[in-house]
Amino acid sequence: MALDGDAVRGSTQTDSTGAFHLTLPDGRYVIRATNAGGYASTATELVVISDRPVHITLVVDSGIR
């Protein structure tokens, strides 16, 4: 999910490899990934969107050991 302050500006899900794509207008966003499974885990990163793609890696713990 992409947050602009407390407002959600976009959301997506990962594909089978864990990759995701999200198109947003130019601006500053907090990208938040949350494990949809039973183990509650979240990762966030601040990004600035401009005229070129941004590549980030978020690590969310699945709880599987």
C-alpha atoms as a PDB file:
ATOM      1  CA  MET A   1       0.000   0.000   0.000  1.00  0.00           C
ATOM      2  CA  ALA A   2       1.196   3.532  -0.726  1.00  0.00           C
ATOM      3  CA  LEU A   3       0.502   6.185   1.878  1.00  0.00           C
ATOM      4  CA  ASP A   4       0.532   9.961   1.496  1.00  0.00           C
ATOM      5  CA  GLY A   5       0.288  10.965   5.138  1.00  0.00           C
ATOM      6  CA  ASP A   6      -2.558   8.787   6.424  1.00  0.00           C
ATOM      7  CA  ALA A   7      -4.313   8.594   3.040  1.00  0.00           C
ATOM      8  CA  VAL A   8      -3.965   5.410   0.990  1.00  0.00           C
ATOM      9  CA  ARG A   9      -2.988   6.387  -2.583  1.00  0.00           C
ATOM     10  CA  GLY A  10      -2.605   2.923  -4.077  1.00  0.00           C
ATOM     11  CA  SER A  11      -2.300  -0.752  -3.316  1.00  0.00           C
ATOM     12  CA  THR A  12      -1.209  -3.935  -5.027  1.00  0.00           C
ATOM     13  CA  GLN A  13      -0.277  -7.535  -4.300  1.00  0.00           C
ATOM     14  CA  THR A  14       2.912  -9.425  -5.011  1.00  0.00           C
ATOM     15  CA  ASP A  15       3.144 -11.980  -7.788  1.00  0.00           C
ATOM     16  CA  SER A  16       4.330 -15.565  -7.274  1.00  0.00           C
ATOM     17  CA  THR A  17       7.974 -14.381  -7.091  1.00  0.00           C
ATOM     18  CA  GLY A  18       7.277 -11.636  -4.544  1.00  0.00           C
ATOM     19  CA  ALA A  19       7.601  -8.796  -7.081  1.00  0.00           C
ATOM     20  CA  PHE A  20       5.085  -5.965  -7.231  1.00  0.00           C
ATOM     21  CA  HIS A  21       4.353  -2.963  -9.442  1.00  0.00           C
ATOM     22  CA  LEU A  22       2.497   0.168  -8.408  1.00  0.00           C
ATOM     23  CA  THR A  23       2.006   3.315 -10.471  1.00  0.00           C
ATOM     24  CA  LEU A  24       1.667   6.582  -8.522  1.00  0.00           C
ATOM     25  CA  PRO A  25       1.701  10.301  -9.333  1.00  0.00           C
ATOM     26  CA  ASP A  26       4.906  12.225  -8.536  1.00  0.00           C
ATOM     27  CA  GLY A  27       5.352  12.797  -4.818  1.00  0.00           C
ATOM     28  CA  ARG A  28       6.615  11.367  -1.538  1.00  0.00           C
ATOM     29  CA  TYR A  29       5.059   8.157  -0.255  1.00  0.00           C
ATOM     30  CA  VAL A  30       5.538   5.570   2.439  1.00  0.00           C
ATOM     31  CA  ILE A  31       5.344   2.118   0.862  1.00  0.00           C
ATOM     32  CA  ARG A  32       4.073  -0.449   3.366  1.00  0.00           C
ATOM     33  CA  ALA A  33       4.121  -4.212   2.852  1.00  0.00           C
ATOM     34  CA  THR A  34       2.155  -6.410   5.229  1.00  0.00           C
ATOM     35  CA  ASN A  35       2.150 -10.179   5.504  1.00  0.00           C
ATOM     36  CA  ALA A  36      -1.351 -11.339   4.600  1.00  0.00           C
ATOM     37  CA  GLY A  37      -0.822 -14.657   6.397  1.00  0.00           C
ATOM     38  CA  GLY A  38      -1.211 -15.489  10.052  1.00  0.00           C
ATOM     39  CA  TYR A  39       2.084 -13.945  11.264  1.00  0.00           C
ATOM     40  CA  ALA A  40       1.746 -10.172  11.662  1.00  0.00           C
ATOM     41  CA  SER A  41       4.768  -8.512  10.043  1.00  0.00           C
ATOM     42  CA  THR A  42       5.135  -5.177   8.233  1.00  0.00           C
ATOM     43  CA  ALA A  43       7.957  -3.421   6.343  1.00  0.00           C
ATOM     44  CA  THR A  44       7.960   0.237   5.234  1.00  0.00           C
ATOM     45  CA  GLU A  45      10.124   2.483   3.089  1.00  0.00           C
ATOM     46  CA  LEU A  46       9.881   6.186   2.181  1.00  0.00           C
ATOM     47  CA  VAL A  47      10.125   6.759  -1.586  1.00  0.00           C
ATOM     48  CA  VAL A  48      10.088   9.808  -3.844  1.00  0.00           C
ATOM     49  CA  ILE A  49       8.333   9.238  -7.165  1.00  0.00           C
ATOM     50  CA  SER A  50       9.417  11.356 -10.127  1.00  0.00           C
ATOM     51  CA  ASP A  51       9.998  10.731 -13.827  1.00  0.00           C
ATOM     52  CA  ARG A  52      11.748   7.340 -13.535  1.00  0.00           C
ATOM     53  CA  PRO A  53      10.959   3.983 -11.917  1.00  0.00           C
ATOM     54  CA  VAL A  54      11.899   3.400  -8.285  1.00  0.00           C
ATOM     55  CA  HIS A  55      13.121  -0.039  -7.236  1.00  0.00           C
ATOM     56  CA  ILE A  56      12.818  -1.043  -3.583  1.00  0.00           C
ATOM     57  CA  THR A  57      13.123  -4.248  -1.601  1.00  0.00           C
ATOM     58  CA  LEU A  58      10.846  -4.813   1.374  1.00  0.00           C
ATOM     59  CA  VAL A  59      11.397  -7.812   3.632  1.00  0.00           C
ATOM     60  CA  VAL A  60       8.328  -9.079   5.456  1.00  0.00           C
ATOM     61  CA  ASP A  61       8.803 -12.007   7.848  1.00  0.00           C
ATOM     62  CA  SER A  62       6.481 -14.907   7.015  1.00  0.00           C
ATOM     63  CA  GLY A  63       7.060 -16.535  10.383  1.00  0.00           C
ATOM     64  CA  ILE A  64       7.970 -19.824   8.651  1.00  0.00           C
ATOM     65  CA  ARG A  65      11.111 -21.376  10.063  1.00  0.00           C
END
